């Protein structure tokens, strides 16, 4: 049995951290593997602290073994110097992000990487007529987007644009359903769940790759996240999980016209959904997650399957007072958003 400690699962909404925990749970359900959510930290031998810094601190003080992350800290410097992580394994979604943490000084505990699985039922192929192309635009330079639009217009190719942060999941699914392929103009990604969901619909991607971490347009809040040295870090990707079955990559937009011609002629020759099913299926990635405990803590999958909860108490995320607090917070946030737009 695994005890999942997550704020995202009770906060609601659809975002990257929430999908990390909800898709793992879907995979555990497929496996028939027992789990509990936000129970007392010592309830099971397998503890996962997904995104809760308060739980992380308490688990540290109590010397509990746990897999922690990936949605805890942005950078190694964010980890408190006095936090004892010696009983933890810190996970990132991809090898490059794990390497980044190591290269910039993280040495408080062992590291590993694990990408969450993709729901290939929710994101499945559509039988609708593919009458255009989708541009996915996430925090890249506006002139790059204008260049791609100009090429598509000159070729009389119908297109739609999805901009990060300003669309609903329903809108994304509808856009994918009628697209022959996606031109992905995005920033660096530690995993890239939205991109993998597109692949799961069997929609190939023309990926505009990044050459270094700082090749993006950060928000005002994000602009101070990375140092100059970190922004120049080259071991990055806009799609860490991608191969020739998924589409094609370019790192020079001067080639965009010829690559669009190639995609127009060859979009049916790719098999991106096959790649996702074989490499990022819900069941497979749930199994990979459970193997982390065997690898680092010598707790076998079968031992965990037989385990019964040792404690009937709840962690604070599951307490009634916290759930009420979250509801009030959501209402206040919604009211402030309305007032801002008045």
C-alpha atoms as a PDB file:
ATOM      1  CA  UNK A   1       0.000   0.000   0.000  1.00  0.00           C
ATOM      2  CA  UNK A   2       1.167   3.488  -0.812  1.00  0.00           C
ATOM      3  CA  UNK A   3       0.198   6.620   1.087  1.00  0.00           C
ATOM      4  CA  UNK A   4      -0.131   9.590  -1.297  1.00  0.00           C
ATOM      5  CA  UNK A   5       0.369  12.982   0.329  1.00  0.00           C
ATOM      6  CA  UNK A   6      -0.826  15.655  -2.079  1.00  0.00           C
ATOM      7  CA  UNK A   7      -2.419  19.085  -1.855  1.00  0.00           C
ATOM      8  CA  UNK A   8      -3.167  19.122  -5.588  1.00  0.00           C
ATOM      9  CA  UNK A   9      -5.616  16.240  -5.351  1.00  0.00           C
ATOM     10  CA  UNK A  10      -7.861  18.158  -2.928  1.00  0.00           C
ATOM     11  CA  UNK A  11      -7.363  21.640  -4.374  1.00  0.00           C
ATOM     12  CA  UNK A  12      -9.170  20.746  -7.593  1.00  0.00           C
ATOM     13  CA  UNK A  13      -8.628  22.228 -11.032  1.00  0.00           C
ATOM     14  CA  UNK A  14      -6.711  20.740 -13.940  1.00  0.00           C
ATOM     15  CA  UNK A  15      -3.003  21.503 -14.141  1.00  0.00           C
ATOM     16  CA  UNK A  16       0.333  19.711 -14.354  1.00  0.00           C
ATOM     17  CA  UNK A  17       0.772  18.863 -10.648  1.00  0.00           C
ATOM     18  CA  UNK A  18      -2.835  17.696 -10.391  1.00  0.00           C
ATOM     19  CA  UNK A  19      -2.394  15.405 -13.402  1.00  0.00           C
ATOM     20  CA  UNK A  20       0.772  13.919 -11.917  1.00  0.00           C
ATOM     21  CA  UNK A  21      -1.142  12.646  -8.908  1.00  0.00           C
ATOM     22  CA  UNK A  22      -4.464  11.835 -10.594  1.00  0.00           C
ATOM     23  CA  UNK A  23      -2.833   9.897 -13.451  1.00  0.00           C
ATOM     24  CA  UNK A  24      -0.722   7.889 -11.014  1.00  0.00           C
ATOM     25  CA  UNK A  25      -3.906   7.003  -9.129  1.00  0.00           C
ATOM     26  CA  UNK A  26      -5.527   5.903 -12.408  1.00  0.00           C
ATOM     27  CA  UNK A  27      -2.540   3.650 -13.040  1.00  0.00           C
ATOM     28  CA  UNK A  28      -2.687   2.178  -9.542  1.00  0.00           C
ATOM     29  CA  UNK A  29      -6.394   1.467 -10.077  1.00  0.00           C
ATOM     30  CA  UNK A  30      -5.600  -0.411 -13.298  1.00  0.00           C
ATOM     31  CA  UNK A  31      -2.961  -2.423 -11.433  1.00  0.00           C
ATOM     32  CA  UNK A  32      -5.330  -3.068  -8.546  1.00  0.00           C
ATOM     33  CA  UNK A  33      -2.605  -1.802  -6.232  1.00  0.00           C
ATOM     34  CA  UNK A  34      -3.755  -0.510  -2.818  1.00  0.00           C
ATOM     35  CA  UNK A  35      -3.270   3.136  -1.898  1.00  0.00           C
ATOM     36  CA  UNK A  36      -4.602   5.731   0.470  1.00  0.00           C
ATOM     37  CA  UNK A  37      -4.651   9.503   0.110  1.00  0.00           C
ATOM     38  CA  UNK A  38      -3.534  12.049   2.696  1.00  0.00           C
ATOM     39  CA  UNK A  39      -3.490   9.659   5.620  1.00  0.00           C
ATOM     40  CA  UNK A  40      -1.155  10.018   8.610  1.00  0.00           C
ATOM     41  CA  UNK A  41       2.458  10.010   7.436  1.00  0.00           C
ATOM     42  CA  UNK A  42       3.279   6.722   9.185  1.00  0.00           C
ATOM     43  CA  UNK A  43       0.247   4.853   7.812  1.00  0.00           C
ATOM     44  CA  UNK A  44       2.237   2.742   5.323  1.00  0.00           C
ATOM     45  CA  UNK A  45       5.839   1.827   4.572  1.00  0.00           C
ATOM     46  CA  UNK A  46       5.496   3.382   1.106  1.00  0.00           C
ATOM     47  CA  UNK A  47       5.126   7.133   1.519  1.00  0.00           C
ATOM     48  CA  UNK A  48       4.979   9.580  -1.404  1.00  0.00           C
ATOM     49  CA  UNK A  49       5.099  13.295  -0.623  1.00  0.00           C
ATOM     50  CA  UNK A  50       4.049  14.807  -3.925  1.00  0.00           C
ATOM     51  CA  UNK A  51       3.791  18.564  -3.349  1.00  0.00           C
ATOM     52  CA  UNK A  52       3.382  19.265   0.377  1.00  0.00           C
ATOM     53  CA  UNK A  53       6.244  21.148   2.049  1.00  0.00           C
ATOM     54  CA  UNK A  54       4.692  20.863   5.528  1.00  0.00           C
ATOM     55  CA  UNK A  55       4.521  17.077   5.191  1.00  0.00           C
ATOM     56  CA  UNK A  56       8.069  17.041   3.862  1.00  0.00           C
ATOM     57  CA  UNK A  57       9.369  18.889   6.926  1.00  0.00           C
ATOM     58  CA  UNK A  58       7.513  16.630   9.361  1.00  0.00           C
ATOM     59  CA  UNK A  59       8.620  13.457   7.580  1.00  0.00           C
ATOM     60  CA  UNK A  60      12.183  14.750   7.761  1.00  0.00           C
ATOM     61  CA  UNK A  61      11.963  15.428  11.497  1.00  0.00           C
ATOM     62  CA  UNK A  62      10.476  11.984  12.103  1.00  0.00           C
ATOM     63  CA  UNK A  63      13.108  10.259   9.919  1.00  0.00           C
ATOM     64  CA  UNK A  64      10.466   8.657   7.700  1.00  0.00           C
ATOM     65  CA  UNK A  65      11.540   7.120   4.409  1.00  0.00           C
ATOM     66  CA  UNK A  66       9.767   8.586   1.395  1.00  0.00           C
ATOM     67  CA  UNK A  67       9.812   9.265  -2.306  1.00  0.00           C
ATOM     68  CA  UNK A  68       9.394  13.042  -2.620  1.00  0.00           C
ATOM     69  CA  UNK A  69       8.584  15.371  -5.519  1.00  0.00           C
ATOM     70  CA  UNK A  70       8.397  16.311  -8.260  1.00  0.00           C
ATOM     71  CA  UNK A  71       6.173  19.297  -7.413  1.00  0.00           C
ATOM     72  CA  UNK A  72       7.964  20.591  -4.318  1.00  0.00           C
ATOM     73  CA  UNK A  73      10.717  22.982  -5.380  1.00  0.00           C
ATOM     74  CA  UNK A  74      11.635  24.753  -8.610  1.00  0.00           C
ATOM     75  CA  UNK A  75      15.389  24.958  -8.018  1.00  0.00           C
ATOM     76  CA  UNK A  76      17.994  23.392  -5.724  1.00  0.00           C
ATOM     77  CA  UNK A  77      18.489  26.752  -3.981  1.00  0.00           C
ATOM     78  CA  UNK A  78      14.848  26.646  -2.854  1.00  0.00           C
ATOM     79  CA  UNK A  79      15.543  23.651  -0.583  1.00  0.00           C
ATOM     80  CA  UNK A  80      16.152  24.841   3.010  1.00  0.00           C
ATOM     81  CA  UNK A  81      19.753  24.271   4.021  1.00  0.00           C
ATOM     82  CA  UNK A  82      18.738  22.802   7.388  1.00  0.00           C
ATOM     83  CA  UNK A  83      16.272  20.285   5.883  1.00  0.00           C
ATOM     84  CA  UNK A  84      17.470  16.712   6.419  1.00  0.00           C
ATOM     85  CA  UNK A  85      16.586  14.744   3.276  1.00  0.00           C
ATOM     86  CA  UNK A  86      18.832  11.756   3.934  1.00  0.00           C
ATOM     87  CA  UNK A  87      15.860   9.355   4.192  1.00  0.00           C
ATOM     88  CA  UNK A  88      14.284  10.586   0.975  1.00  0.00           C
ATOM     89  CA  UNK A  89      14.598   9.933  -2.750  1.00  0.00           C
ATOM     90  CA  UNK A  90      13.936  13.100  -4.728  1.00  0.00           C
ATOM     91  CA  UNK A  91      12.300  12.546  -8.112  1.00  0.00           C
ATOM     92  CA  UNK A  92      12.098  14.701 -11.222  1.00  0.00           C
ATOM     93  CA  UNK A  93      10.028  13.950 -14.339  1.00  0.00           C
ATOM     94  CA  UNK A  94      12.979  13.478 -16.725  1.00  0.00           C
ATOM     95  CA  UNK A  95      16.689  12.768 -16.884  1.00  0.00           C
ATOM     96  CA  UNK A  96      17.617  16.262 -18.011  1.00  0.00           C
ATOM     97  CA  UNK A  97      15.847  17.853 -15.041  1.00  0.00           C
ATOM     98  CA  UNK A  98      17.577  15.401 -12.684  1.00  0.00           C
ATOM     99  CA  UNK A  99      20.906  16.278 -14.285  1.00  0.00           C
ATOM    100  CA  UNK A 100      20.112  19.984 -13.926  1.00  0.00           C
ATOM    101  CA  UNK A 101      19.530  19.612 -10.185  1.00  0.00           C
ATOM    102  CA  UNK A 102      22.758  17.659  -9.784  1.00  0.00           C
ATOM    103  CA  UNK A 103      24.741  20.100 -11.907  1.00  0.00           C
ATOM    104  CA  UNK A 104      23.527  23.010  -9.819  1.00  0.00           C
ATOM    105  CA  UNK A 105      24.490  21.550  -6.503  1.00  0.00           C
ATOM    106  CA  UNK A 106      21.734  19.291  -5.175  1.00  0.00           C
ATOM    107  CA  UNK A 107      23.294  16.526  -3.076  1.00  0.00           C
ATOM    108  CA  UNK A 108      21.007  16.217  -0.051  1.00  0.00           C
ATOM    109  CA  UNK A 109      19.634  12.781  -1.029  1.00  0.00           C
ATOM    110  CA  UNK A 110      19.582  10.267  -3.899  1.00  0.00           C
ATOM    111  CA  UNK A 111      17.791  11.368  -7.060  1.00  0.00           C
ATOM    112  CA  UNK A 112      15.808   9.508  -9.665  1.00  0.00           C
ATOM    113  CA  UNK A 113      13.441  10.410 -12.493  1.00  0.00           C
ATOM    114  CA  UNK A 114       9.938   9.222 -13.303  1.00  0.00           C
ATOM    115  CA  UNK A 115       7.393  10.528 -15.820  1.00  0.00           C
ATOM    116  CA  UNK A 116       3.737  10.092 -14.965  1.00  0.00           C
ATOM    117  CA  UNK A 117       1.575   8.030 -17.312  1.00  0.00           C
ATOM    118  CA  UNK A 118      -0.801   9.514 -19.884  1.00  0.00           C
ATOM    119  CA  UNK A 119      -4.499   8.682 -19.995  1.00  0.00           C
ATOM    120  CA  UNK A 120      -4.762   7.167 -23.475  1.00  0.00           C
ATOM    121  CA  UNK A 121      -8.503   6.602 -23.097  1.00  0.00           C
ATOM    122  CA  UNK A 122      -9.304  10.224 -22.310  1.00  0.00           C
ATOM    123  CA  UNK A 123      -6.900  11.308 -25.050  1.00  0.00           C
ATOM    124  CA  UNK A 124      -7.744   8.988 -27.920  1.00  0.00           C
ATOM    125  CA  UNK A 125      -7.851   9.411 -31.725  1.00  0.00           C
ATOM    126  CA  UNK A 126     -10.764  11.240 -33.314  1.00  0.00           C
ATOM    127  CA  UNK A 127     -12.660  10.254 -36.461  1.00  0.00           C
ATOM    128  CA  UNK A 128     -13.362  13.899 -37.308  1.00  0.00           C
ATOM    129  CA  UNK A 129     -12.125  15.354 -40.589  1.00  0.00           C
ATOM    130  CA  UNK A 130      -8.618  16.769 -40.164  1.00  0.00           C
ATOM    131  CA  UNK A 131      -9.106  20.127 -41.842  1.00  0.00           C
ATOM    132  CA  UNK A 132      -6.203  22.115 -40.465  1.00  0.00           C
ATOM    133  CA  UNK A 133      -3.105  22.444 -38.300  1.00  0.00           C
ATOM    134  CA  UNK A 134      -2.799  23.342 -34.629  1.00  0.00           C
ATOM    135  CA  UNK A 135      -0.111  25.671 -33.316  1.00  0.00           C
ATOM    136  CA  UNK A 136       0.561  25.196 -29.598  1.00  0.00           C
ATOM    137  CA  UNK A 137       2.207  28.349 -28.281  1.00  0.00           C
ATOM    138  CA  UNK A 138       3.774  28.374 -24.840  1.00  0.00           C
ATOM    139  CA  UNK A 139       6.021  31.192 -23.701  1.00  0.00           C
ATOM    140  CA  UNK A 140       8.091  31.523 -26.857  1.00  0.00           C
ATOM    141  CA  UNK A 141       8.855  34.714 -28.751  1.00  0.00           C
ATOM    142  CA  UNK A 142       5.962  36.398 -30.538  1.00  0.00           C
ATOM    143  CA  UNK A 143       8.064  36.883 -33.686  1.00  0.00           C
ATOM    144  CA  UNK A 144       8.533  33.109 -33.887  1.00  0.00           C
ATOM    145  CA  UNK A 145       4.776  32.620 -33.831  1.00  0.00           C
ATOM    146  CA  UNK A 146       4.283  35.297 -36.481  1.00  0.00           C
ATOM    147  CA  UNK A 147       6.875  33.598 -38.702  1.00  0.00           C
ATOM    148  CA  UNK A 148       5.057  30.258 -38.502  1.00  0.00           C
ATOM    149  CA  UNK A 149       1.696  31.927 -39.143  1.00  0.00           C
ATOM    150  CA  UNK A 150       3.135  33.695 -42.172  1.00  0.00           C
ATOM    151  CA  UNK A 151       4.354  30.427 -43.685  1.00  0.00           C
ATOM    152  CA  UNK A 152       0.989  28.724 -43.130  1.00  0.00           C
ATOM    153  CA  UNK A 153      -0.876  31.666 -44.669  1.00  0.00           C
ATOM    154  CA  UNK A 154       1.391  31.678 -47.721  1.00  0.00           C
ATOM    155  CA  UNK A 155       0.701  27.967 -48.208  1.00  0.00           C
ATOM    156  CA  UNK A 156      -3.062  28.471 -47.674  1.00  0.00           C
ATOM    157  CA  UNK A 157      -3.038  26.031 -44.757  1.00  0.00           C
ATOM    158  CA  UNK A 158      -5.873  26.482 -42.293  1.00  0.00           C
ATOM    159  CA  UNK A 159      -4.670  26.681 -38.698  1.00  0.00           C
ATOM    160  CA  UNK A 160      -5.777  27.235 -35.128  1.00  0.00           C
ATOM    161  CA  UNK A 161      -3.721  28.530 -32.184  1.00  0.00           C
ATOM    162  CA  UNK A 162      -3.852  27.277 -28.599  1.00  0.00           C
ATOM    163  CA  UNK A 163      -2.027  29.577 -26.197  1.00  0.00           C
ATOM    164  CA  UNK A 164      -0.783  28.241 -22.890  1.00  0.00           C
ATOM    165  CA  UNK A 165      -2.771  29.518 -19.937  1.00  0.00           C
ATOM    166  CA  UNK A 166      -5.773  30.677 -21.955  1.00  0.00           C
ATOM    167  CA  UNK A 167      -7.628  27.533 -22.977  1.00  0.00           C
ATOM    168  CA  UNK A 168      -9.748  24.833 -21.393  1.00  0.00           C
ATOM    169  CA  UNK A 169      -9.061  21.122 -21.641  1.00  0.00           C
ATOM    170  CA  UNK A 170     -12.228  20.740 -23.685  1.00  0.00           C
ATOM    171  CA  UNK A 171     -11.013  23.353 -26.176  1.00  0.00           C
ATOM    172  CA  UNK A 172      -7.683  21.559 -26.451  1.00  0.00           C
ATOM    173  CA  UNK A 173      -9.321  18.222 -27.194  1.00  0.00           C
ATOM    174  CA  UNK A 174     -11.568  19.790 -29.860  1.00  0.00           C
ATOM    175  CA  UNK A 175      -8.601  21.481 -31.500  1.00  0.00           C
ATOM    176  CA  UNK A 176      -6.597  18.238 -31.571  1.00  0.00           C
ATOM    177  CA  UNK A 177      -9.550  16.303 -32.990  1.00  0.00           C
ATOM    178  CA  UNK A 178      -9.553  18.315 -36.217  1.00  0.00           C
ATOM    179  CA  UNK A 179      -5.800  18.800 -36.671  1.00  0.00           C
ATOM    180  CA  UNK A 180      -3.566  16.858 -39.047  1.00  0.00           C
ATOM    181  CA  UNK A 181      -0.554  17.655 -36.889  1.00  0.00           C
ATOM    182  CA  UNK A 182       0.631  20.119 -34.266  1.00  0.00           C
ATOM    183  CA  UNK A 183       3.361  22.726 -34.635  1.00  0.00           C
ATOM    184  CA  UNK A 184       4.675  22.869 -31.076  1.00  0.00           C
ATOM    185  CA  UNK A 185       6.291  26.188 -30.227  1.00  0.00           C
ATOM    186  CA  UNK A 186       6.966  25.796 -26.531  1.00  0.00           C
ATOM    187  CA  UNK A 187       9.503  26.358 -23.776  1.00  0.00           C
ATOM    188  CA  UNK A 188      11.657  23.771 -22.007  1.00  0.00           C
ATOM    189  CA  UNK A 189       9.634  21.053 -20.263  1.00  0.00           C
ATOM    190  CA  UNK A 190      10.604  18.658 -17.491  1.00  0.00           C
ATOM    191  CA  UNK A 191       7.998  16.245 -18.915  1.00  0.00           C
ATOM    192  CA  UNK A 192       5.463  17.943 -21.168  1.00  0.00           C
ATOM    193  CA  UNK A 193       2.146  16.299 -20.266  1.00  0.00           C
ATOM    194  CA  UNK A 194       0.048  18.393 -22.673  1.00  0.00           C
ATOM    195  CA  UNK A 195       2.373  17.500 -25.539  1.00  0.00           C
ATOM    196  CA  UNK A 196       2.162  13.809 -24.661  1.00  0.00           C
ATOM    197  CA  UNK A 197      -1.623  14.040 -24.523  1.00  0.00           C
ATOM    198  CA  UNK A 198      -1.541  15.355 -28.096  1.00  0.00           C
ATOM    199  CA  UNK A 199       0.623  12.398 -29.121  1.00  0.00           C
ATOM    200  CA  UNK A 200      -1.856  10.074 -27.410  1.00  0.00           C
ATOM    201  CA  UNK A 201      -4.568  11.250 -29.821  1.00  0.00           C
ATOM    202  CA  UNK A 202      -2.253   9.998 -32.605  1.00  0.00           C
ATOM    203  CA  UNK A 203      -1.581  13.563 -33.706  1.00  0.00           C
ATOM    204  CA  UNK A 204       2.063  13.928 -34.813  1.00  0.00           C
ATOM    205  CA  UNK A 205       4.093  16.974 -33.847  1.00  0.00           C
ATOM    206  CA  UNK A 206       6.473  19.302 -35.627  1.00  0.00           C
ATOM    207  CA  UNK A 207       8.481  20.295 -32.584  1.00  0.00           C
ATOM    208  CA  UNK A 208      10.367  23.589 -32.450  1.00  0.00           C
ATOM    209  CA  UNK A 209      13.068  22.485 -30.041  1.00  0.00           C
ATOM    210  CA  UNK A 210      14.889  24.743 -27.585  1.00  0.00           C
ATOM    211  CA  UNK A 211      18.689  24.991 -27.532  1.00  0.00           C
ATOM    212  CA  UNK A 212      19.048  26.258 -23.964  1.00  0.00           C
ATOM    213  CA  UNK A 213      16.903  26.729 -20.868  1.00  0.00           C
ATOM    214  CA  UNK A 214      16.514  30.492 -21.224  1.00  0.00           C
ATOM    215  CA  UNK A 215      14.963  30.256 -24.695  1.00  0.00           C
ATOM    216  CA  UNK A 216      11.513  31.389 -23.554  1.00  0.00           C
ATOM    217  CA  UNK A 217       9.512  34.407 -22.420  1.00  0.00           C
ATOM    218  CA  UNK A 218       8.957  34.123 -18.664  1.00  0.00           C
ATOM    219  CA  UNK A 219       6.178  35.864 -16.793  1.00  0.00           C
ATOM    220  CA  UNK A 220       7.144  38.725 -14.476  1.00  0.00           C
ATOM    221  CA  UNK A 221       7.061  36.282 -11.568  1.00  0.00           C
ATOM    222  CA  UNK A 222       9.206  33.745 -13.412  1.00  0.00           C
ATOM    223  CA  UNK A 223      11.788  36.233 -14.684  1.00  0.00           C
ATOM    224  CA  UNK A 224      13.916  35.980 -11.540  1.00  0.00           C
ATOM    225  CA  UNK A 225      13.768  32.188 -11.169  1.00  0.00           C
ATOM    226  CA  UNK A 226      16.969  31.299 -12.998  1.00  0.00           C
ATOM    227  CA  UNK A 227      20.486  32.674 -12.868  1.00  0.00           C
ATOM    228  CA  UNK A 228      22.395  33.628 -16.025  1.00  0.00           C
ATOM    229  CA  UNK A 229      24.347  30.358 -15.805  1.00  0.00           C
ATOM    230  CA  UNK A 230      21.144  28.343 -15.434  1.00  0.00           C
ATOM    231  CA  UNK A 231      19.488  30.138 -18.372  1.00  0.00           C
ATOM    232  CA  UNK A 232      22.480  29.156 -20.508  1.00  0.00           C
ATOM    233  CA  UNK A 233      22.146  25.465 -19.559  1.00  0.00           C
ATOM    234  CA  UNK A 234      21.986  23.461 -22.803  1.00  0.00           C
ATOM    235  CA  UNK A 235      21.026  19.964 -21.669  1.00  0.00           C
ATOM    236  CA  UNK A 236      17.294  20.693 -21.979  1.00  0.00           C
ATOM    237  CA  UNK A 237      14.341  19.828 -24.193  1.00  0.00           C
ATOM    238  CA  UNK A 238      10.847  20.991 -25.042  1.00  0.00           C
ATOM    239  CA  UNK A 239       9.902  17.310 -25.316  1.00  0.00           C
ATOM    240  CA  UNK A 240      11.999  14.924 -23.174  1.00  0.00           C
ATOM    241  CA  UNK A 241       9.867  11.978 -24.307  1.00  0.00           C
ATOM    242  CA  UNK A 242       9.782  11.961 -28.104  1.00  0.00           C
ATOM    243  CA  UNK A 243      11.169   9.886 -30.970  1.00  0.00           C
ATOM    244  CA  UNK A 244      10.812   9.459 -34.728  1.00  0.00           C
ATOM    245  CA  UNK A 245       7.393   7.832 -34.304  1.00  0.00           C
ATOM    246  CA  UNK A 246       6.074  11.064 -32.795  1.00  0.00           C
ATOM    247  CA  UNK A 247       7.004  13.535 -35.501  1.00  0.00           C
ATOM    248  CA  UNK A 248      10.015  15.678 -36.324  1.00  0.00           C
ATOM    249  CA  UNK A 249      12.171  18.177 -34.426  1.00  0.00           C
ATOM    250  CA  UNK A 250      13.753  21.371 -35.692  1.00  0.00           C
ATOM    251  CA  UNK A 251      15.916  23.840 -33.806  1.00  0.00           C
ATOM    252  CA  UNK A 252      16.097  26.445 -36.567  1.00  0.00           C
ATOM    253  CA  UNK A 253      12.931  28.194 -37.717  1.00  0.00           C
ATOM    254  CA  UNK A 254      14.605  29.050 -41.032  1.00  0.00           C
ATOM    255  CA  UNK A 255      13.672  25.468 -41.969  1.00  0.00           C
ATOM    256  CA  UNK A 256      10.026  25.774 -40.948  1.00  0.00           C
ATOM    257  CA  UNK A 257       8.646  26.098 -44.493  1.00  0.00           C
ATOM    258  CA  UNK A 258      10.241  22.909 -45.803  1.00  0.00           C
ATOM    259  CA  UNK A 259       9.352  21.014 -42.628  1.00  0.00           C
ATOM    260  CA  UNK A 260       5.711  22.062 -42.908  1.00  0.00           C
ATOM    261  CA  UNK A 261       5.744  20.736 -46.493  1.00  0.00           C
ATOM    262  CA  UNK A 262       7.141  17.467 -45.160  1.00  0.00           C
ATOM    263  CA  UNK A 263       4.451  17.199 -42.474  1.00  0.00           C
ATOM    264  CA  UNK A 264       1.704  17.959 -44.993  1.00  0.00           C
ATOM    265  CA  UNK A 265       2.884  15.028 -47.131  1.00  0.00           C
ATOM    266  CA  UNK A 266       3.785  12.603 -44.339  1.00  0.00           C
ATOM    267  CA  UNK A 267       1.592  13.245 -41.273  1.00  0.00           C
ATOM    268  CA  UNK A 268      -0.137   9.889 -41.725  1.00  0.00           C
ATOM    269  CA  UNK A 269       3.173   7.998 -41.607  1.00  0.00           C
ATOM    270  CA  UNK A 270       3.804   8.645 -37.901  1.00  0.00           C
ATOM    271  CA  UNK A 271       2.510   6.569 -34.984  1.00  0.00           C
ATOM    272  CA  UNK A 272       2.717   8.826 -31.913  1.00  0.00           C
ATOM    273  CA  UNK A 273      -0.021   7.020 -30.004  1.00  0.00           C
ATOM    274  CA  UNK A 274       1.961   3.774 -30.232  1.00  0.00           C
ATOM    275  CA  UNK A 275       4.927   5.555 -28.652  1.00  0.00           C
ATOM    276  CA  UNK A 276       2.805   6.830 -25.754  1.00  0.00           C
ATOM    277  CA  UNK A 277       1.141   3.466 -25.121  1.00  0.00           C
ATOM    278  CA  UNK A 278       4.488   1.652 -25.110  1.00  0.00           C
ATOM    279  CA  UNK A 279       6.441   4.202 -23.093  1.00  0.00           C
ATOM    280  CA  UNK A 280       3.993   6.295 -21.058  1.00  0.00           C
ATOM    281  CA  UNK A 281       0.917   4.167 -20.418  1.00  0.00           C
ATOM    282  CA  UNK A 282      -0.860   4.597 -17.076  1.00  0.00           C
ATOM    283  CA  UNK A 283      -0.282   1.007 -15.976  1.00  0.00           C
ATOM    284  CA  UNK A 284       3.376   0.926 -17.027  1.00  0.00           C
ATOM    285  CA  UNK A 285       4.223   4.187 -15.289  1.00  0.00           C
ATOM    286  CA  UNK A 286       2.423   3.183 -12.100  1.00  0.00           C
ATOM    287  CA  UNK A 287       4.578   0.038 -12.077  1.00  0.00           C
ATOM    288  CA  UNK A 288       7.693   2.140 -12.667  1.00  0.00           C
ATOM    289  CA  UNK A 289       6.750   4.362  -9.744  1.00  0.00           C
ATOM    290  CA  UNK A 290       6.341   1.386  -7.408  1.00  0.00           C
ATOM    291  CA  UNK A 291       9.745   0.055  -8.510  1.00  0.00           C
ATOM    292  CA  UNK A 292      11.330   3.173  -6.990  1.00  0.00           C
ATOM    293  CA  UNK A 293      10.581   1.747  -3.529  1.00  0.00           C
ATOM    294  CA  UNK A 294      12.187  -1.572  -4.386  1.00  0.00           C
ATOM    295  CA  UNK A 295      15.208   0.127  -5.925  1.00  0.00           C
ATOM    296  CA  UNK A 296      15.857   2.609  -3.132  1.00  0.00           C
ATOM    297  CA  UNK A 297      14.209   1.138  -0.016  1.00  0.00           C
ATOM    298  CA  UNK A 298      14.126  -2.599  -0.752  1.00  0.00           C
ATOM    299  CA  UNK A 299      10.328  -2.722  -0.402  1.00  0.00           C
ATOM    300  CA  UNK A 300       9.040  -5.128  -3.028  1.00  0.00           C
ATOM    301  CA  UNK A 301       5.900  -4.605  -5.030  1.00  0.00           C
ATOM    302  CA  UNK A 302       4.298  -7.701  -3.494  1.00  0.00           C
ATOM    303  CA  UNK A 303       5.176  -6.728   0.079  1.00  0.00           C
ATOM    304  CA  UNK A 304       3.464  -3.431  -0.515  1.00  0.00           C
ATOM    305  CA  UNK A 305       0.435  -5.113  -2.075  1.00  0.00           C
ATOM    306  CA  UNK A 306      -0.148  -7.155   1.085  1.00  0.00           C
ATOM    307  CA  UNK A 307       0.344  -4.260   3.474  1.00  0.00           C
ATOM    308  CA  UNK A 308      -2.484  -2.994   5.669  1.00  0.00           C
ATOM    309  CA  UNK A 309      -2.651   0.586   6.998  1.00  0.00           C
ATOM    310  CA  UNK A 310      -0.981   0.991  10.383  1.00  0.00           C
ATOM    311  CA  UNK A 311      -2.694   4.225  11.337  1.00  0.00           C
ATOM    312  CA  UNK A 312      -6.288   5.385  10.873  1.00  0.00           C
ATOM    313  CA  UNK A 313      -5.511   9.074  11.267  1.00  0.00           C
ATOM    314  CA  UNK A 314      -5.497  11.712   8.523  1.00  0.00           C
ATOM    315  CA  UNK A 315      -2.880  14.153   7.382  1.00  0.00           C
ATOM    316  CA  UNK A 316      -4.032  17.804   7.484  1.00  0.00           C
ATOM    317  CA  UNK A 317      -4.914  17.810   3.753  1.00  0.00           C
ATOM    318  CA  UNK A 318      -7.748  15.367   4.432  1.00  0.00           C
ATOM    319  CA  UNK A 319      -9.153  17.172   7.457  1.00  0.00           C
ATOM    320  CA  UNK A 320     -12.527  18.897   7.261  1.00  0.00           C
ATOM    321  CA  UNK A 321     -11.112  22.281   8.310  1.00  0.00           C
ATOM    322  CA  UNK A 322      -8.584  22.255   5.469  1.00  0.00           C
ATOM    323  CA  UNK A 323     -11.197  21.304   2.868  1.00  0.00           C
ATOM    324  CA  UNK A 324     -13.443  24.171   4.044  1.00  0.00           C
ATOM    325  CA  UNK A 325     -10.463  26.527   3.864  1.00  0.00           C
ATOM    326  CA  UNK A 326      -9.838  25.474   0.256  1.00  0.00           C
ATOM    327  CA  UNK A 327     -13.475  26.074  -0.693  1.00  0.00           C
ATOM    328  CA  UNK A 328     -13.372  29.573   0.798  1.00  0.00           C
ATOM    329  CA  UNK A 329     -10.088  30.238  -0.982  1.00  0.00           C
ATOM    330  CA  UNK A 330     -11.578  29.187  -4.342  1.00  0.00           C
ATOM    331  CA  UNK A 331     -14.640  31.428  -3.838  1.00  0.00           C
ATOM    332  CA  UNK A 332     -12.491  34.436  -2.900  1.00  0.00           C
ATOM    333  CA  UNK A 333     -10.217  33.830  -5.896  1.00  0.00           C
ATOM    334  CA  UNK A 334     -13.232  33.636  -8.229  1.00  0.00           C
ATOM    335  CA  UNK A 335     -14.726  36.865  -6.812  1.00  0.00           C
ATOM    336  CA  UNK A 336     -11.420  38.727  -7.174  1.00  0.00           C
ATOM    337  CA  UNK A 337     -11.138  37.552 -10.786  1.00  0.00           C
ATOM    338  CA  UNK A 338     -14.616  38.884 -11.571  1.00  0.00           C
ATOM    339  CA  UNK A 339     -13.894  42.201  -9.881  1.00  0.00           C
ATOM    340  CA  UNK A 340     -10.625  42.529 -11.788  1.00  0.00           C
ATOM    341  CA  UNK A 341     -12.480  42.188 -15.088  1.00  0.00           C
ATOM    342  CA  UNK A 342     -15.237  44.682 -14.196  1.00  0.00           C
END
